[in-house]
Amino acid sequence: MTRFLIVSTLLLVAVYGLMKARPLLLGPSISLNSPVKYAVIPNGITTFSGQVNRTVALTLDGVPVLSDQNGSFSSIVTLPHGNSILTLVASDRFGRRVTTTRTVYVP
């Protein structure tokens, strides 16, 4: 009976530790709401918006983008005529990075 209690307690502590360490193990994430892939931007001005999790730095083509306490971000971008490939990079405090790209077209 004592062995069962010890094993159960250790198992519960291990599961609790994994649950608390989950965000550290997953790394940063980006969810981009707009613009959609291959969007046509008629006037050349668009808003990049979305949500990030577990990040300390966010950049759009190398320019820092600020996010609020909930991880939401928004940035207005003026684009030249033609195709543009925009890269959004999020990094966490351990240096892990995740990248999302969007290709848009301005006629």
Protein backbone atom coordinates (compact mmCIF):
# COMPACT_ATOMS: atom_id res chain seq x y z
CA MET A 1 0.00 0.00 0.00
CA THR A 2 2.85 2.40 0.84
CA ARG A 3 4.54 1.63 -2.46
CA PHE A 4 1.30 2.42 -4.31
CA LEU A 5 0.99 5.82 -2.58
CA ILE A 6 4.59 6.73 -3.36
CA VAL A 7 4.27 5.73 -7.03
CA SER A 8 0.92 7.57 -7.32
CA THR A 9 2.36 10.72 -5.75
CA LEU A 10 5.42 10.68 -8.02
CA LEU A 11 3.21 10.12 -11.06
CA LEU A 12 0.96 13.05 -10.10
CA VAL A 13 3.98 15.31 -9.55
CA ALA A 14 5.40 14.31 -12.95
CA VAL A 15 2.10 14.97 -14.76
CA TYR A 16 1.70 18.32 -12.99
CA GLY A 17 5.27 19.28 -13.94
CA LEU A 18 4.68 18.42 -17.60
CA MET A 19 1.46 20.45 -17.63
CA LYS A 20 3.26 23.49 -16.23
CA ALA A 21 6.25 23.04 -18.58
CA ARG A 22 4.06 22.64 -21.70
CA PRO A 23 4.32 26.30 -22.81
CA LEU A 24 8.10 26.16 -22.47
CA LEU A 25 8.27 22.97 -24.51
CA LEU A 26 5.97 24.19 -27.30
CA GLY A 27 7.83 27.39 -28.19
CA PRO A 28 6.34 30.45 -29.92
CA SER A 29 3.33 30.39 -32.22
CA ILE A 30 1.78 32.80 -34.74
CA SER A 31 -1.79 32.89 -35.97
CA LEU A 32 -2.20 35.43 -38.78
CA ASN A 33 -5.78 36.63 -39.37
CA SER A 34 -5.21 39.10 -42.19
CA PRO A 35 -4.29 39.37 -44.95
CA VAL A 36 -5.15 35.96 -46.34
CA LYS A 37 -2.66 34.17 -48.59
CA TYR A 38 -2.45 35.57 -52.11
CA ALA A 39 -4.74 38.50 -51.28
CA VAL A 40 -5.21 41.28 -53.82
CA ILE A 41 -4.75 44.66 -52.14
CA PRO A 42 -6.29 47.28 -54.46
CA ASN A 43 -4.91 50.44 -52.82
CA GLY A 44 -1.61 49.04 -51.53
CA ILE A 45 -2.43 49.60 -47.85
CA THR A 46 -3.26 46.60 -45.68
CA THR A 47 -3.36 45.66 -42.02
CA PHE A 48 -1.46 42.67 -40.71
CA SER A 49 -3.25 41.34 -37.65
CA GLY A 50 -3.23 38.18 -35.63
CA GLN A 51 -2.30 36.49 -32.40
CA VAL A 52 1.03 35.32 -30.96
CA ASN A 53 1.70 33.07 -27.98
CA ARG A 54 4.82 32.61 -25.87
CA THR A 55 6.83 35.30 -27.67
CA VAL A 56 9.20 38.04 -26.57
CA ALA A 57 9.88 39.53 -30.02
CA LEU A 58 7.81 39.86 -33.17
CA THR A 59 9.02 41.36 -36.45
CA LEU A 60 7.43 42.03 -39.82
CA ASP A 61 10.17 42.09 -42.49
CA GLY A 62 12.69 42.98 -39.78
CA VAL A 63 10.62 45.82 -38.28
CA PRO A 64 9.49 45.24 -34.66
CA VAL A 65 5.74 44.81 -34.13
CA LEU A 66 4.18 45.27 -30.70
CA SER A 67 1.61 42.89 -29.26
CA ASP A 68 -0.73 43.50 -26.34
CA GLN A 69 -0.98 41.48 -23.11
CA ASN A 70 -3.22 38.92 -24.81
CA GLY A 71 -0.80 38.46 -27.71
CA SER A 72 -2.90 40.32 -30.29
CA PHE A 73 -1.04 42.47 -32.79
CA SER A 74 -1.86 44.78 -35.66
CA SER A 75 0.37 46.66 -38.09
CA ILE A 76 -0.56 48.82 -41.08
CA VAL A 77 1.69 48.26 -44.09
CA THR A 78 2.00 50.20 -47.35
CA LEU A 79 3.01 47.98 -50.25
CA PRO A 80 4.48 48.73 -53.70
CA HIS A 81 2.77 47.65 -56.93
CA GLY A 82 3.30 44.02 -57.84
CA ASN A 83 3.85 40.93 -55.73
CA SER A 84 5.13 41.27 -52.18
CA ILE A 85 6.27 38.50 -49.87
CA LEU A 86 6.05 39.59 -46.24
CA THR A 87 7.67 37.61 -43.44
CA LEU A 88 6.51 37.61 -39.84
CA VAL A 89 8.96 36.15 -37.30
CA ALA A 90 8.21 35.43 -33.63
CA SER A 91 10.87 34.35 -31.15
CA ASP A 92 10.74 33.25 -27.54
CA ARG A 93 13.10 33.85 -24.65
CA PHE A 94 15.10 30.73 -25.51
CA GLY A 95 15.85 31.91 -29.05
CA ARG A 96 13.42 29.55 -30.79
CA ARG A 97 11.78 31.13 -33.82
CA VAL A 98 8.71 30.52 -35.93
CA THR A 99 8.12 32.18 -39.29
CA THR A 100 4.97 32.88 -41.28
CA THR A 101 4.95 34.39 -44.77
CA ARG A 102 2.20 36.00 -46.80
CA THR A 103 2.28 36.72 -50.50
CA VAL A 104 0.04 39.60 -51.56
CA TYR A 105 -0.51 41.40 -54.85
CA VAL A 106 -1.06 45.11 -55.47
CA PRO A 107 -2.38 45.81 -59.00
